[in-house]
C-alpha atoms as a PDB file:
ATOM      1  CA  MET A   1      -3.412 -26.008  16.000  1.00  0.00           C
ATOM      2  CA  ALA A   2      -6.232 -23.880  14.654  1.00  0.00           C
ATOM      3  CA  THR A   3      -7.914 -24.671  11.366  1.00  0.00           C
ATOM      4  CA  LYS A   4      -8.890 -22.249   8.633  1.00  0.00           C
ATOM      5  CA  GLU A   5     -12.545 -23.012   9.417  1.00  0.00           C
ATOM      6  CA  GLU A   6     -12.079 -21.524  12.914  1.00  0.00           C
ATOM      7  CA  MET A   7     -11.596 -18.109  11.359  1.00  0.00           C
ATOM      8  CA  TYR A   8     -14.582 -15.905  11.890  1.00  0.00           C
ATOM      9  CA  SER A   9     -15.625 -12.825  10.018  1.00  0.00           C
ATOM     10  CA  LYS A  10     -18.607 -10.525   9.957  1.00  0.00           C
ATOM     11  CA  VAL A  11     -19.493  -7.224   8.381  1.00  0.00           C
ATOM     12  CA  VAL A  12     -22.350  -5.264   9.918  1.00  0.00           C
ATOM     13  CA  PRO A  13     -23.504  -1.649   9.970  1.00  0.00           C
ATOM     14  CA  ARG A  14     -22.478   0.066  13.216  1.00  0.00           C
ATOM     15  CA  LYS A  15     -25.952   1.587  13.749  1.00  0.00           C
ATOM     16  CA  ASN A  16     -27.794  -1.669  13.557  1.00  0.00           C
ATOM     17  CA  ARG A  17     -25.886  -4.772  14.588  1.00  0.00           C
ATOM     18  CA  GLN A  18     -28.767  -7.060  13.821  1.00  0.00           C
ATOM     19  CA  ASN A  19     -29.195  -9.386  10.895  1.00  0.00           C
ATOM     20  CA  ARG A  20     -31.875  -7.436   9.034  1.00  0.00           C
ATOM     21  CA  PRO A  21     -31.888  -4.923   6.191  1.00  0.00           C
ATOM     22  CA  MET A  22     -31.797  -1.247   7.046  1.00  0.00           C
ATOM     23  CA  THR A  23     -32.399   1.978   5.186  1.00  0.00           C
ATOM     24  CA  VAL A  24     -29.900   4.796   4.789  1.00  0.00           C
ATOM     25  CA  LYS A  25     -31.516   8.073   3.860  1.00  0.00           C
ATOM     26  CA  HIS A  26     -30.282  10.119   0.890  1.00  0.00           C
ATOM     27  CA  GLY A  27     -27.302  12.297   1.822  1.00  0.00           C
ATOM     28  CA  SER A  28     -26.576  10.440   5.056  1.00  0.00           C
ATOM     29  CA  THR A  29     -23.642   8.157   5.785  1.00  0.00           C
ATOM     30  CA  LEU A  30     -23.213   4.720   7.287  1.00  0.00           C
ATOM     31  CA  ASP A  31     -20.148   3.356   9.050  1.00  0.00           C
ATOM     32  CA  VAL A  32     -19.472  -0.316   8.372  1.00  0.00           C
ATOM     33  CA  PHE A  33     -17.620  -2.432  10.946  1.00  0.00           C
ATOM     34  CA  LEU A  34     -15.462  -5.294   9.654  1.00  0.00           C
ATOM     35  CA  SER A  35     -14.305  -7.900  12.107  1.00  0.00           C
ATOM     36  CA  MET A  36     -12.118 -10.807  11.091  1.00  0.00           C
ATOM     37  CA  GLY A  37      -9.661 -13.044  12.806  1.00  0.00           C
ATOM     38  CA  PHE A  38      -8.948 -16.063  14.924  1.00  0.00           C
ATOM     39  CA  PRO A  39      -9.503 -16.502  18.634  1.00  0.00           C
ATOM     40  CA  LYS A  40      -6.993 -14.543  20.730  1.00  0.00           C
ATOM     41  CA  GLY A  41      -3.455 -15.867  20.593  1.00  0.00           C
ATOM     42  CA  ARG A  42      -3.921 -17.640  17.260  1.00  0.00           C
ATOM     43  CA  ALA A  43      -3.924 -14.648  14.913  1.00  0.00           C
ATOM     44  CA  HIS A  44      -0.528 -15.399  13.331  1.00  0.00           C
ATOM     45  CA  GLU A  45      -0.946 -19.144  12.753  1.00  0.00           C
ATOM     46  CA  PHE A  46      -2.312 -18.700   9.236  1.00  0.00           C
ATOM     47  CA  THR A  47      -0.190 -16.266   7.300  1.00  0.00           C
ATOM     48  CA  GLY A  48      -1.087 -14.924   3.905  1.00  0.00           C
ATOM     49  CA  THR A  49      -3.681 -12.759   2.213  1.00  0.00           C
ATOM     50  CA  ASP A  50      -7.369 -13.011   3.061  1.00  0.00           C
ATOM     51  CA  ARG A  51     -10.073 -11.440   0.942  1.00  0.00           C
ATOM     52  CA  ILE A  52     -13.670 -10.802   1.973  1.00  0.00           C
ATOM     53  CA  PRO A  53     -16.036  -9.567  -0.738  1.00  0.00           C
ATOM     54  CA  VAL A  54     -19.051  -7.682   0.643  1.00  0.00           C
ATOM     55  CA  LEU A  55     -22.000  -6.829  -1.588  1.00  0.00           C
ATOM     56  CA  LEU A  56     -24.094  -3.809  -0.608  1.00  0.00           C
ATOM     57  CA  LYS A  57     -27.502  -3.861  -2.292  1.00  0.00           C
ATOM     58  CA  LEU A  58     -28.969  -0.466  -3.065  1.00  0.00           C
ATOM     59  CA  SER A  59     -32.375   0.645  -4.243  1.00  0.00           C
ATOM     60  CA  HIS A  60     -33.437   0.161  -7.860  1.00  0.00           C
ATOM     61  CA  GLY A  61     -31.293  -2.967  -8.229  1.00  0.00           C
ATOM     62  CA  ARG A  62     -27.945  -1.189  -7.870  1.00  0.00           C
ATOM     63  CA  GLU A  63     -25.110  -2.894  -6.027  1.00  0.00           C
ATOM     64  CA  ILE A  64     -21.709  -1.911  -4.654  1.00  0.00           C
ATOM     65  CA  LEU A  65     -19.007  -4.540  -4.219  1.00  0.00           C
ATOM     66  CA  LEU A  66     -16.450  -3.870  -1.471  1.00  0.00           C
ATOM     67  CA  ASN A  67     -13.349  -6.039  -1.455  1.00  0.00           C
ATOM     68  CA  PHE A  68     -11.718  -6.136   1.976  1.00  0.00           C
ATOM     69  CA  ILE A  69      -8.158  -7.443   1.843  1.00  0.00           C
ATOM     70  CA  GLY A  70      -6.055  -8.269   4.885  1.00  0.00           C
ATOM     71  CA  ILE A  71      -2.546  -9.655   5.156  1.00  0.00           C
ATOM     72  CA  THR A  72      -1.412 -11.754   8.104  1.00  0.00           C
ATOM     73  CA  VAL A  73       2.331 -11.637   8.713  1.00  0.00           C
ATOM     74  CA  PRO A  74       4.174 -14.185  10.868  1.00  0.00           C
ATOM     75  CA  LYS A  75       4.982 -12.881  14.330  1.00  0.00           C
ATOM     76  CA  ASP A  76       8.362 -11.114  14.596  1.00  0.00           C
ATOM     77  CA  HIS A  77       8.670 -10.667  10.812  1.00  0.00           C
ATOM     78  CA  CYS A  78       8.897  -7.488   8.793  1.00  0.00           C
ATOM     79  CA  TYR A  79       6.488  -6.782   5.975  1.00  0.00           C
ATOM     80  CA  VAL A  80       6.994  -3.897   3.577  1.00  0.00           C
ATOM     81  CA  HIS A  81       3.854  -2.997   1.646  1.00  0.00           C
ATOM     82  CA  PHE A  82       4.358  -1.537  -1.816  1.00  0.00           C
ATOM     83  CA  LEU A  83       1.395   0.538  -2.980  1.00  0.00           C
ATOM     84  CA  ALA A  84       1.904  -0.603  -6.572  1.00  0.00           C
ATOM     85  CA  THR A  85       4.379  -2.464  -8.751  1.00  0.00           C
ATOM     86  CA  GLN A  86       4.916   0.715 -10.770  1.00  0.00           C
ATOM     87  CA  HIS A  87       5.307   4.358  -9.784  1.00  0.00           C
ATOM     88  CA  MET A  88       5.057   7.453 -11.945  1.00  0.00           C
ATOM     89  CA  PHE A  89       6.642  10.680 -10.771  1.00  0.00           C
ATOM     90  CA  ALA A  90       4.825  13.956 -11.279  1.00  0.00           C
ATOM     91  CA  PRO A  91       5.877  15.784 -14.451  1.00  0.00           C
ATOM     92  CA  VAL A  92       8.682  18.314 -14.088  1.00  0.00           C
ATOM     93  CA  CYS A  93       9.582  21.104 -16.501  1.00  0.00           C
ATOM     94  CA  ILE A  94      12.788  20.650 -18.437  1.00  0.00           C
ATOM     95  CA  ASP A  95      15.636  22.923 -17.283  1.00  0.00           C
ATOM     96  CA  THR A  96      14.072  23.487 -13.861  1.00  0.00           C
ATOM     97  CA  ALA A  97      16.905  24.773 -11.660  1.00  0.00           C
ATOM     98  CA  ASN A  98      15.562  23.148  -8.475  1.00  0.00           C
ATOM     99  CA  PRO A  99      13.157  20.294  -9.280  1.00  0.00           C
ATOM    100  CA  PRO A 100      10.767  19.456  -6.445  1.00  0.00           C
ATOM    101  CA  LYS A 101      11.301  16.603  -4.057  1.00  0.00           C
ATOM    102  CA  GLN A 102       8.899  13.712  -4.710  1.00  0.00           C
ATOM    103  CA  ILE A 103       7.927  11.000  -2.261  1.00  0.00           C
ATOM    104  CA  TYR A 104       7.409   7.257  -2.572  1.00  0.00           C
ATOM    105  CA  GLU A 105       5.859   5.660   0.516  1.00  0.00           C
ATOM    106  CA  LEU A 106       6.692   2.268   2.002  1.00  0.00           C
ATOM    107  CA  TYR A 107       4.557   0.902   4.857  1.00  0.00           C
ATOM    108  CA  ASN A 108       5.992  -1.572   7.377  1.00  0.00           C
ATOM    109  CA  GLY A 109       3.052  -3.773   8.383  1.00  0.00           C
ATOM    110  CA  GLY A 110       5.210  -6.202  10.350  1.00  0.00           C
ATOM    111  CA  SER A 111       5.988  -6.302  14.041  1.00  0.00           C
ATOM    112  CA  VAL A 112       9.705  -5.520  13.702  1.00  0.00           C
ATOM    113  CA  ARG A 113      11.648  -2.643  12.158  1.00  0.00           C
ATOM    114  CA  VAL A 114      12.784  -2.793   8.526  1.00  0.00           C
ATOM    115  CA  ILE A 115      16.177  -1.690   7.305  1.00  0.00           C
ATOM    116  CA  TYR A 116      16.006  -0.818   3.601  1.00  0.00           C
ATOM    117  CA  ASP A 117      18.790  -0.315   1.069  1.00  0.00           C
ATOM    118  CA  ILE A 118      17.673   0.732  -2.411  1.00  0.00           C
ATOM    119  CA  GLN A 119      19.883  -0.615  -5.181  1.00  0.00           C
ATOM    120  CA  LEU A 120      20.596   2.254  -7.567  1.00  0.00           C
ATOM    121  CA  ASP A 121      22.393   0.420 -10.396  1.00  0.00           C
ATOM    122  CA  SER A 122      19.484   0.942 -12.827  1.00  0.00           C
ATOM    123  CA  VAL A 123      19.287   4.628 -11.888  1.00  0.00           C
ATOM    124  CA  LYS A 124      23.022   5.019 -12.546  1.00  0.00           C
ATOM    125  CA  ASN A 125      22.610   3.350 -15.960  1.00  0.00           C
ATOM    126  CA  ILE A 126      19.917   5.910 -16.884  1.00  0.00           C
ATOM    127  CA  GLN A 127      22.262   8.701 -15.778  1.00  0.00           C
ATOM    128  CA  GLU A 128      25.131   7.344 -17.912  1.00  0.00           C
ATOM    129  CA  MET A 129      22.853   7.100 -20.972  1.00  0.00           C
ATOM    130  CA  ASN A 130      21.842  10.760 -20.481  1.00  0.00           C
ATOM    131  CA  TYR A 131      25.202  12.550 -20.559  1.00  0.00           C
ATOM    132  CA  ASP A 132      25.771  11.805 -16.856  1.00  0.00           C
ATOM    133  CA  HIS A 133      22.799  14.011 -15.908  1.00  0.00           C
ATOM    134  CA  PRO A 134      21.055  12.815 -12.709  1.00  0.00           C
ATOM    135  CA  ILE A 135      17.569  12.083 -14.094  1.00  0.00           C
ATOM    136  CA  PHE A 136      16.610  10.298 -10.855  1.00  0.00           C
ATOM    137  CA  GLN A 137      18.216  11.061  -7.496  1.00  0.00           C
ATOM    138  CA  CYS A 138      17.295   9.100  -4.393  1.00  0.00           C
ATOM    139  CA  LEU A 139      17.987  11.324  -1.395  1.00  0.00           C
ATOM    140  CA  ASN A 140      17.673   8.579   1.216  1.00  0.00           C
ATOM    141  CA  PRO A 141      18.543   5.199  -0.357  1.00  0.00           C
ATOM    142  CA  ARG A 142      19.172   3.651   3.068  1.00  0.00           C
ATOM    143  CA  GLY A 143      17.093   3.888   6.180  1.00  0.00           C
ATOM    144  CA  GLU A 144      14.844   2.302   8.750  1.00  0.00           C
ATOM    145  CA  ILE A 145      11.067   1.993   8.987  1.00  0.00           C
ATOM    146  CA  LYS A 146       9.702   1.208  12.426  1.00  0.00           C
ATOM    147  CA  SER A 147       6.922  -1.322  12.927  1.00  0.00           C
ATOM    148  CA  GLY A 148       3.522   0.029  11.900  1.00  0.00           C
ATOM    149  CA  MET A 149       5.054   3.152  10.391  1.00  0.00           C
ATOM    150  CA  THR A 150       5.477   4.574   6.897  1.00  0.00           C
ATOM    151  CA  GLY A 151       8.854   5.357   5.387  1.00  0.00           C
ATOM    152  CA  TYR A 152       9.127   8.222   2.934  1.00  0.00           C
ATOM    153  CA  ILE A 153      11.646   7.630   0.162  1.00  0.00           C
ATOM    154  CA  GLU A 154      12.618  11.022  -1.259  1.00  0.00           C
ATOM    155  CA  TRP A 155      13.395  11.413  -4.943  1.00  0.00           C
ATOM    156  CA  ILE A 156      14.258  14.218  -7.304  1.00  0.00           C
ATOM    157  CA  PHE A 157      13.172  13.754 -10.902  1.00  0.00           C
ATOM    158  CA  SER A 158      15.099  16.026 -13.257  1.00  0.00           C
ATOM    159  CA  PRO A 159      14.330  15.225 -16.921  1.00  0.00           C
ATOM    160  CA  LEU A 160      16.659  16.286 -19.719  1.00  0.00           C
ATOM    161  CA  GLU A 161      14.059  16.058 -22.468  1.00  0.00           C
ATOM    162  CA  ALA A 162      10.312  15.591 -22.926  1.00  0.00           C
ATOM    163  CA  LYS A 163      10.044  11.807 -22.856  1.00  0.00           C
ATOM    164  CA  SER A 164       9.177   8.972 -20.531  1.00  0.00           C
ATOM    165  CA  TYR A 165      12.066   7.551 -18.533  1.00  0.00           C
ATOM    166  CA  THR A 166      11.748   3.988 -17.268  1.00  0.00           C
ATOM    167  CA  VAL A 167      13.773   2.316 -14.545  1.00  0.00           C
ATOM    168  CA  CYS A 168      13.345  -1.403 -13.967  1.00  0.00           C
ATOM    169  CA  GLN A 169      14.210  -2.496 -10.459  1.00  0.00           C
ATOM    170  CA  GLU A 170      15.571  -6.015 -10.275  1.00  0.00           C
ATOM    171  CA  GLU A 171      14.340  -8.200  -7.445  1.00  0.00           C
END
């Protein structure tokens, strides 16, 4: 069994993989290489979220903090990554005959496919409270996202009046 202390990590500039400061000229770029993990074959023994803060020191006392975040998922498990806990659709004009399709992305970071089924009870409640007008329409409430791929959930937002509509999704 591996221990958490066996995890190794390093962040070094690609140009200069030595342990000394380097200079980046104005207007130029620098690729940074982040390496983190356990020895081969042990990568999935410690599941969870790992965070590595990296502080880049610049001239004149300025600093940039980079927060690298990685999630380790147990082998043969699905993992759907939500970009945020809230989503705001782009504004749509009232009385638009054909409102545009809008996309919400879900990323499957696991090693197996994900079958999703979006519960639309809250969306139906909003529709009933608005004279049965479909304020929110999910065009693909069921589907599959393959391992390492992104699923695109398609929505149509069709407001009846100029106000904010809120849907709370129960877990």
